[in-house]
Amino acid sequence: METTVVPAIKPVPWLAIGAVTATVSVFAIAQGLSYPLLSFILERQGVSPTMIGLSAAMSPLGTIVSSSLVPMLVKRLGGVRTVLCCAAFCATLLALIGATQNVWLWFPLRFMIGMSVIPLYVLSEVWMISLAPAHARGRFMGFYTSTISLGFALGPATLALVGTQGWPPFLVGIAAFLICGLFVAAAAPRLPQFHEDEQQGTVRRFLPVAPTLLLAVVVAAGFETAMLSLLPSYGRAFAVGEAEMATLLTVFIIGNFALQVPFGMIADWWSARAVMLVCAVLTIVGCGLLPLVLGTPAQWPVAFFWGAFAYGIYTMAIVELGQRFSGSMLVAGNAAFALMWGIGGISGPPSAGVAMQIFGPHGLPAVMAALCLALVLVGVVRARQRA
């Protein structure tokens, strides 16, 4: 009589997943705190809005420059050592920013912070993708991206507790970076290792392999940064009060993290690529609804679901990345995602701002809809080429 051997189900490494989640959540709080903190300080010093914007742009510029270096760092130092070094470097740089209080000195310091934070993001994503069970990767990555969004939202809230004066807010950020390192050091034996003989992937090799995923990251980054930067100006053009627009942005951000796990569950059952394209289509619908609902009660549910669908584009891109790649190409892919996020973050607000100046306030939703439409068209064309 034959017996059927049922393969053992690999246990979920909850401790390692918990450590990575805690690391990225604390790190996101530090990042979310630093941006408004430095802007408040510069405003008190009488620095012009243009200079404040240029200063803030140094961090994503550093991201773009350093993203292609991440695979090399991981190859030479290993994942854990890379994160520990970068966390310590970020804490040191933030301390120097707090000590100098000079807009010109902050330019190179913020640039170097941008270079240092990217390995933290890249490796936390790689670890989470590698640790998540294949059959439930979508919901795990949905939870991961929700955690990042929540951390960024809690960053400004932290300033309400500790204030923006003196060293207390800087000490919170410094402690957060150091805590990130402690979490990773404690979980090091449980985290996936990247062996030297596997390190064949580079950002340059990855770029032509997954154009739709890379475009999805650019679209998601450009959409998010443009909305956060210019939606208040859009509301002002229609005489909507600042408090109401700030609340609308909050609802938009809440939508960012509230529905990513359900989206991930659908991707596990259906297809990450299909969910991504549906999110892009529904984001276009949101762009069309914005002029119709702004200033009415319908703006609140529209903003909530609009934020969810827009950020779902990025979540689904990460899920598909984990489904298609592993090893060094997974590291290279996440580094390429960081590069594309920096490009989208820098190009999105200026593009939408120019459109608003030329075509009026409706240039904002028009540009956002055009970005998502481009993603849908590229996704459909690539799908037909594979068929």
Protein backbone atom coordinates (compact mmCIF):
# COMPACT_ATOMS: atom_id res chain seq x y z
CA MET A 1 0.00 0.00 0.00
CA GLU A 2 1.45 3.31 -1.08
CA THR A 3 1.58 6.23 1.29
CA THR A 4 1.44 9.80 0.11
CA VAL A 5 4.05 12.04 1.58
CA VAL A 6 2.65 15.49 2.24
CA PRO A 7 5.36 18.16 2.11
CA ALA A 8 5.80 19.97 5.38
CA ILE A 9 4.59 23.53 5.44
CA LYS A 10 7.46 25.85 6.16
CA PRO A 11 6.75 27.70 9.41
CA VAL A 12 6.36 31.45 9.21
CA PRO A 13 9.43 33.17 10.77
CA TRP A 14 7.35 35.50 12.90
CA LEU A 15 10.23 36.74 15.07
CA ALA A 16 12.30 37.82 12.06
CA ILE A 17 9.26 39.38 10.37
CA GLY A 18 8.42 41.22 13.59
CA ALA A 19 11.97 42.56 13.84
CA VAL A 20 11.96 43.83 10.25
CA THR A 21 8.52 45.41 10.72
CA ALA A 22 9.61 47.12 13.93
CA THR A 23 12.77 48.36 12.23
CA VAL A 24 11.02 49.94 9.25
CA SER A 25 8.23 51.43 11.40
CA VAL A 26 10.66 53.19 13.76
CA PHE A 27 12.77 54.28 10.80
CA ALA A 28 9.70 55.72 9.02
CA ILE A 29 8.83 57.72 12.14
CA ALA A 30 12.34 59.21 12.13
CA GLN A 31 12.01 60.14 8.45
CA GLY A 32 8.50 61.50 8.85
CA LEU A 33 9.65 63.64 11.78
CA SER A 34 12.75 65.10 10.14
CA TYR A 35 11.15 66.67 7.04
CA PRO A 36 8.66 68.98 8.79
CA LEU A 37 11.07 69.62 11.68
CA LEU A 38 13.76 71.06 9.42
CA SER A 39 11.20 73.07 7.47
CA PHE A 40 9.85 74.63 10.68
CA ILE A 41 13.37 75.57 11.79
CA LEU A 42 14.25 77.14 8.45
CA GLU A 43 10.99 79.10 8.40
CA ARG A 44 11.78 80.52 11.85
CA GLN A 45 15.18 81.59 10.51
CA GLY A 46 13.47 83.51 7.70
CA VAL A 47 14.76 81.26 4.92
CA SER A 48 12.83 81.64 1.65
CA PRO A 49 10.41 78.91 0.50
CA THR A 50 12.62 78.31 -2.53
CA MET A 51 15.63 77.57 -0.35
CA ILE A 52 13.54 75.38 1.94
CA GLY A 53 12.39 73.37 -1.08
CA LEU A 54 15.92 73.05 -2.44
CA SER A 55 17.15 71.92 0.96
CA ALA A 56 14.43 69.26 1.16
CA ALA A 57 15.32 68.06 -2.35
CA MET A 58 18.83 67.10 -1.20
CA SER A 59 17.59 63.93 0.47
CA PRO A 60 15.86 62.40 -2.61
CA LEU A 61 18.84 63.53 -4.70
CA GLY A 62 21.10 61.52 -2.40
CA THR A 63 18.68 58.62 -2.82
CA ILE A 64 19.07 58.69 -6.59
CA VAL A 65 22.86 58.84 -6.38
CA SER A 66 23.28 56.03 -3.85
CA SER A 67 20.63 53.53 -4.97
CA SER A 68 22.88 51.86 -7.53
CA LEU A 69 25.57 51.38 -4.85
CA VAL A 70 23.41 49.22 -2.56
CA PRO A 71 24.13 45.84 -4.23
CA MET A 72 27.87 46.54 -4.01
CA LEU A 73 27.59 47.45 -0.31
CA VAL A 74 25.63 44.29 0.43
CA LYS A 75 28.19 42.21 -1.44
CA ARG A 76 31.10 43.66 0.55
CA LEU A 77 29.56 44.12 4.00
CA GLY A 78 26.56 41.81 4.06
CA GLY A 79 23.01 42.93 4.73
CA VAL A 80 23.18 43.24 8.51
CA ARG A 81 26.46 45.18 8.61
CA THR A 82 25.24 47.50 5.88
CA VAL A 83 22.11 48.38 7.87
CA LEU A 84 24.04 48.83 11.12
CA CYS A 85 26.56 51.17 9.49
CA CYS A 86 23.85 53.20 7.73
CA ALA A 87 21.70 53.51 10.87
CA ALA A 88 24.68 54.79 12.86
CA PHE A 89 25.63 57.18 10.05
CA CYS A 90 22.06 58.57 9.86
CA ALA A 91 22.05 59.17 13.62
CA THR A 92 25.39 60.98 13.37
CA LEU A 93 24.27 63.15 10.46
CA LEU A 94 21.03 64.12 12.22
CA ALA A 95 23.08 65.11 15.28
CA LEU A 96 25.29 67.29 13.07
CA ILE A 97 22.19 68.93 11.57
CA GLY A 98 20.91 69.69 15.05
CA ALA A 99 24.28 71.13 16.08
CA THR A 100 24.84 73.36 13.03
CA GLN A 101 21.41 74.98 12.40
CA ASN A 102 22.71 76.43 9.13
CA VAL A 103 20.86 76.10 5.84
CA TRP A 104 24.06 75.95 3.76
CA LEU A 105 25.67 73.25 5.89
CA TRP A 106 22.41 71.31 5.78
CA PHE A 107 22.63 70.88 2.00
CA PRO A 108 25.50 68.33 2.08
CA LEU A 109 24.27 66.80 5.36
CA ARG A 110 20.76 66.15 3.99
CA PHE A 111 22.28 64.82 0.78
CA MET A 112 24.32 62.31 2.81
CA ILE A 113 21.26 61.32 4.84
CA GLY A 114 19.48 60.59 1.57
CA MET A 115 22.40 58.37 0.56
CA SER A 116 22.42 56.58 3.93
CA VAL A 117 18.73 55.82 4.34
CA ILE A 118 18.27 53.94 1.08
CA PRO A 119 20.09 50.75 2.16
CA LEU A 120 17.75 50.63 5.18
CA TYR A 121 14.70 50.72 2.93
CA VAL A 122 16.08 48.36 0.32
CA LEU A 123 17.23 45.67 2.73
CA SER A 124 14.10 45.81 4.88
CA GLU A 125 12.02 45.23 1.75
CA VAL A 126 14.29 42.41 0.58
CA TRP A 127 14.15 40.74 3.98
CA MET A 128 10.37 41.02 4.18
CA ILE A 129 9.90 39.65 0.67
CA SER A 130 12.26 36.77 1.43
CA LEU A 131 10.68 35.96 4.80
CA ALA A 132 7.03 36.16 3.70
CA PRO A 133 5.43 32.82 2.71
CA ALA A 134 5.02 32.63 -1.06
CA HIS A 135 1.30 31.85 -0.83
CA ALA A 136 0.65 34.93 1.35
CA ARG A 137 3.28 37.36 0.10
CA GLY A 138 0.69 39.88 -1.02
CA ARG A 139 -0.91 40.32 2.37
CA PHE A 140 2.48 40.41 4.14
CA MET A 141 3.78 43.10 1.80
CA GLY A 142 0.51 44.97 2.14
CA PHE A 143 1.03 45.01 5.90
CA TYR A 144 4.64 46.11 5.36
CA THR A 145 3.74 49.09 3.16
CA SER A 146 0.92 50.02 5.54
CA THR A 147 3.45 50.08 8.38
CA ILE A 148 5.69 52.48 6.46
CA SER A 149 2.77 54.82 5.72
CA LEU A 150 1.66 54.76 9.34
CA GLY A 151 5.21 55.47 10.51
CA PHE A 152 5.50 58.49 8.23
CA ALA A 153 2.13 59.75 9.49
CA LEU A 154 3.24 59.36 13.12
CA GLY A 155 6.43 61.33 12.51
CA PRO A 156 4.76 64.77 12.36
CA ALA A 157 2.47 63.74 15.22
CA THR A 158 5.57 63.15 17.34
CA LEU A 159 6.51 66.80 16.89
CA ALA A 160 3.21 67.77 18.50
CA LEU A 161 4.38 65.95 21.64
CA VAL A 162 8.04 67.05 21.84
CA GLY A 163 7.84 70.37 19.98
CA THR A 164 10.17 71.75 17.32
CA GLN A 165 12.49 73.78 19.55
CA GLY A 166 15.95 72.77 20.75
CA TRP A 167 17.34 69.26 20.96
CA PRO A 168 14.31 67.12 22.02
CA PRO A 169 12.97 66.46 18.47
CA PHE A 170 16.48 65.73 17.20
CA LEU A 171 17.11 63.33 20.08
CA VAL A 172 13.91 61.46 19.19
CA GLY A 173 15.10 61.07 15.59
CA ILE A 174 18.61 60.05 16.63
CA ALA A 175 17.23 57.48 19.07
CA ALA A 176 14.92 56.10 16.36
CA PHE A 177 17.82 55.49 13.97
CA LEU A 178 19.83 53.79 16.72
CA ILE A 179 16.85 51.63 17.72
CA CYS A 180 16.61 50.49 14.09
CA GLY A 181 20.17 49.22 14.36
CA LEU A 182 19.43 47.45 17.64
CA PHE A 183 16.42 45.64 16.17
CA VAL A 184 18.46 44.42 13.21
CA ALA A 185 21.40 43.37 15.40
CA ALA A 186 19.07 41.39 17.67
CA ALA A 187 17.42 39.61 14.73
CA ALA A 188 20.61 39.11 12.68
CA PRO A 189 20.79 35.28 13.06
CA ARG A 190 17.22 34.96 11.76
CA LEU A 191 17.54 37.27 8.75
CA PRO A 192 18.22 35.96 5.21
CA GLN A 193 21.87 36.14 4.23
CA PHE A 194 23.23 37.19 0.84
CA HIS A 195 26.14 34.99 -0.13
CA GLU A 196 28.97 36.34 -2.23
CA ASP A 197 28.56 33.76 -5.00
CA GLU A 198 24.96 34.92 -5.50
CA GLN A 199 25.78 38.60 -5.87
CA GLN A 200 25.53 38.90 -9.64
CA GLY A 201 22.66 41.37 -9.79
CA THR A 202 23.18 45.08 -10.39
CA VAL A 203 20.79 47.96 -10.90
CA ARG A 204 22.03 48.34 -14.48
CA ARG A 205 21.17 44.71 -15.22
CA PHE A 206 17.77 45.01 -13.62
CA LEU A 207 16.55 48.18 -15.36
CA PRO A 208 15.67 46.61 -18.75
CA VAL A 209 14.14 43.48 -17.17
CA ALA A 210 11.03 44.97 -15.52
CA PRO A 211 10.06 48.27 -17.20
CA THR A 212 6.41 48.13 -16.10
CA LEU A 213 7.33 47.69 -12.43
CA LEU A 214 9.83 50.55 -12.60
CA LEU A 215 7.27 52.82 -14.26
CA ALA A 216 4.77 51.87 -11.54
CA VAL A 217 7.21 53.08 -8.87
CA VAL A 218 7.79 56.38 -10.71
CA VAL A 219 4.03 56.90 -11.03
CA ALA A 220 3.35 56.09 -7.36
CA ALA A 221 6.15 58.36 -6.12
CA GLY A 222 5.25 61.22 -8.46
CA PHE A 223 1.58 60.95 -7.52
CA GLU A 224 2.17 60.91 -3.77
CA THR A 225 4.70 63.74 -3.63
CA ALA A 226 2.70 65.94 -6.04
CA MET A 227 -0.49 65.46 -4.06
CA LEU A 228 1.16 66.17 -0.71
CA SER A 229 2.90 69.24 -2.14
CA LEU A 230 0.20 70.77 -4.33
CA LEU A 231 -3.22 69.63 -3.13
CA PRO A 232 -3.37 72.56 -0.66
CA SER A 233 -2.73 74.96 -3.57
CA TYR A 234 -5.45 73.21 -5.57
CA GLY A 235 -7.93 73.70 -2.74
CA ARG A 236 -6.94 77.36 -2.33
CA ALA A 237 -7.86 77.98 -5.97
CA PHE A 238 -11.43 76.92 -5.11
CA ALA A 239 -11.58 78.85 -1.82
CA VAL A 240 -11.40 75.70 0.30
CA GLY A 241 -9.92 76.50 3.72
CA GLU A 242 -6.47 75.34 4.81
CA ALA A 243 -7.83 73.32 7.73
CA GLU A 244 -10.23 71.45 5.46
CA MET A 245 -7.50 70.70 2.89
CA ALA A 246 -5.15 69.52 5.65
CA THR A 247 -7.86 67.16 6.86
CA LEU A 248 -8.42 65.97 3.30
CA LEU A 249 -4.71 65.18 3.00
CA THR A 250 -4.89 63.26 6.27
CA VAL A 251 -7.78 61.19 4.91
CA PHE A 252 -5.75 60.60 1.74
CA ILE A 253 -2.81 59.31 3.82
CA ILE A 254 -5.11 57.13 5.95
CA GLY A 255 -6.32 55.53 2.74
CA ASN A 256 -2.67 54.89 1.85
CA PHE A 257 -2.21 52.41 4.68
CA ALA A 258 -5.75 51.23 5.47
CA LEU A 259 -6.43 49.00 2.46
CA GLN A 260 -3.03 47.63 1.47
CA VAL A 261 -3.52 44.31 3.28
CA PRO A 262 -6.87 43.62 1.53
CA PHE A 263 -5.21 44.51 -1.78
CA GLY A 264 -2.43 42.05 -0.95
CA MET A 265 -4.97 39.31 -0.21
CA ILE A 266 -6.59 39.90 -3.59
CA ALA A 267 -3.16 39.74 -5.25
CA ASP A 268 -2.46 36.37 -3.57
CA TRP A 269 -5.71 35.04 -5.00
CA TRP A 270 -5.66 36.76 -8.39
CA SER A 271 -2.57 38.54 -9.82
CA ALA A 272 -0.38 41.36 -8.52
CA ARG A 273 -0.05 42.82 -12.02
CA ALA A 274 -3.82 42.80 -12.54
CA VAL A 275 -4.49 44.45 -9.17
CA MET A 276 -1.84 47.07 -9.94
CA LEU A 277 -3.49 48.01 -13.25
CA VAL A 278 -6.95 48.09 -11.64
CA CYS A 279 -5.55 50.42 -8.96
CA ALA A 280 -4.15 52.67 -11.70
CA VAL A 281 -7.52 52.78 -13.51
CA LEU A 282 -9.39 53.60 -10.29
CA THR A 283 -6.81 56.29 -9.48
CA ILE A 284 -7.63 57.88 -12.84
CA VAL A 285 -11.30 57.80 -11.85
CA GLY A 286 -10.36 59.59 -8.62
CA CYS A 287 -8.58 62.28 -10.63
CA GLY A 288 -11.74 62.84 -12.61
CA LEU A 289 -13.93 62.96 -9.50
CA LEU A 290 -11.77 65.46 -7.57
CA PRO A 291 -13.09 68.63 -9.30
CA LEU A 292 -16.66 67.39 -8.86
CA VAL A 293 -16.53 66.48 -5.16
CA LEU A 294 -14.12 69.08 -3.74
CA GLY A 295 -15.88 71.06 -1.03
CA THR A 296 -18.75 68.56 -0.72
CA PRO A 297 -19.23 65.68 1.75
CA ALA A 298 -18.33 63.23 -1.03
CA GLN A 299 -14.72 64.45 -0.96
CA TRP A 300 -13.96 62.39 2.15
CA PRO A 301 -14.67 58.88 0.81
CA VAL A 302 -13.17 59.84 -2.55
CA ALA A 303 -9.92 60.97 -0.88
CA PHE A 304 -9.79 57.81 1.25
CA PHE A 305 -10.14 55.36 -1.63
CA TRP A 306 -8.09 57.55 -3.96
CA GLY A 307 -5.15 57.37 -1.56
CA ALA A 308 -5.60 53.61 -1.17
CA PHE A 309 -5.61 52.92 -4.91
CA ALA A 310 -2.71 55.28 -5.64
CA TYR A 311 -0.45 53.67 -3.03
CA GLY A 312 -1.70 50.22 -4.03
CA ILE A 313 0.21 50.67 -7.28
CA TYR A 314 3.49 50.61 -5.34
CA THR A 315 2.41 47.77 -3.05
CA MET A 316 1.56 45.57 -6.02
CA ALA A 317 4.87 46.41 -7.70
CA ILE A 318 6.71 45.12 -4.60
CA VAL A 319 4.59 41.96 -4.52
CA GLU A 320 5.33 41.17 -8.17
CA LEU A 321 9.00 41.92 -7.62
CA GLY A 322 9.10 39.26 -4.91
CA GLN A 323 7.23 36.79 -7.12
CA ARG A 324 9.61 37.16 -10.06
CA PHE A 325 13.06 37.68 -8.55
CA SER A 326 15.27 36.33 -5.78
CA GLY A 327 18.85 36.54 -4.51
CA SER A 328 21.02 39.32 -5.84
CA MET A 329 18.49 40.33 -8.50
CA LEU A 330 15.96 40.93 -5.72
CA VAL A 331 18.44 43.24 -3.99
CA ALA A 332 19.16 44.98 -7.31
CA GLY A 333 15.44 45.27 -8.02
CA ASN A 334 14.72 46.93 -4.69
CA ALA A 335 17.66 49.29 -5.26
CA ALA A 336 16.23 50.12 -8.70
CA PHE A 337 12.87 50.78 -7.04
CA ALA A 338 14.60 53.25 -4.72
CA LEU A 339 16.16 54.96 -7.74
CA MET A 340 12.79 55.22 -9.48
CA TRP A 341 11.11 56.50 -6.31
CA GLY A 342 13.69 59.28 -6.12
CA ILE A 343 13.14 60.18 -9.76
CA GLY A 344 9.37 60.20 -9.35
CA GLY A 345 9.59 62.19 -6.12
CA ILE A 346 11.73 64.89 -7.69
CA SER A 347 9.93 65.13 -11.05
CA GLY A 348 6.30 64.78 -9.91
CA PRO A 349 5.72 68.09 -8.06
CA PRO A 350 7.49 70.32 -10.63
CA SER A 351 5.62 68.68 -13.52
CA ALA A 352 2.27 69.10 -11.82
CA GLY A 353 3.18 72.65 -10.76
CA VAL A 354 4.00 73.65 -14.34
CA ALA A 355 0.73 72.11 -15.55
CA MET A 356 -1.21 74.10 -12.93
CA GLN A 357 0.53 77.30 -14.00
CA ILE A 358 -0.21 76.72 -17.69
CA PHE A 359 -3.66 75.10 -17.59
CA GLY A 360 -5.00 76.28 -14.25
CA PRO A 361 -5.61 74.29 -11.06
CA HIS A 362 -7.08 71.31 -12.94
CA GLY A 363 -3.61 70.70 -14.32
CA LEU A 364 -2.88 68.82 -11.07
CA PRO A 365 -5.42 65.98 -11.48
CA ALA A 366 -4.83 66.01 -15.24
CA VAL A 367 -1.09 65.29 -14.85
CA MET A 368 -1.77 62.63 -12.20
CA ALA A 369 -4.32 60.94 -14.47
CA ALA A 370 -1.87 61.06 -17.40
CA LEU A 371 0.80 59.30 -15.34
CA CYS A 372 -1.57 56.50 -14.38
CA LEU A 373 -2.87 56.21 -17.94
CA ALA A 374 0.70 55.76 -19.20
CA LEU A 375 1.17 52.92 -16.70
CA VAL A 376 -2.04 51.23 -17.82
CA LEU A 377 -1.08 51.47 -21.50
CA VAL A 378 2.43 50.11 -20.90
CA GLY A 379 1.03 47.29 -18.76
CA VAL A 380 -1.51 46.30 -21.42
CA VAL A 381 1.09 46.42 -24.23
CA ARG A 382 3.57 44.31 -22.21
CA ALA A 383 0.82 41.78 -21.41
CA ARG A 384 -0.03 41.41 -25.10
CA GLN A 385 3.65 40.97 -25.97
CA ARG A 386 3.89 38.10 -23.48
CA ALA A 387 0.72 36.46 -24.78
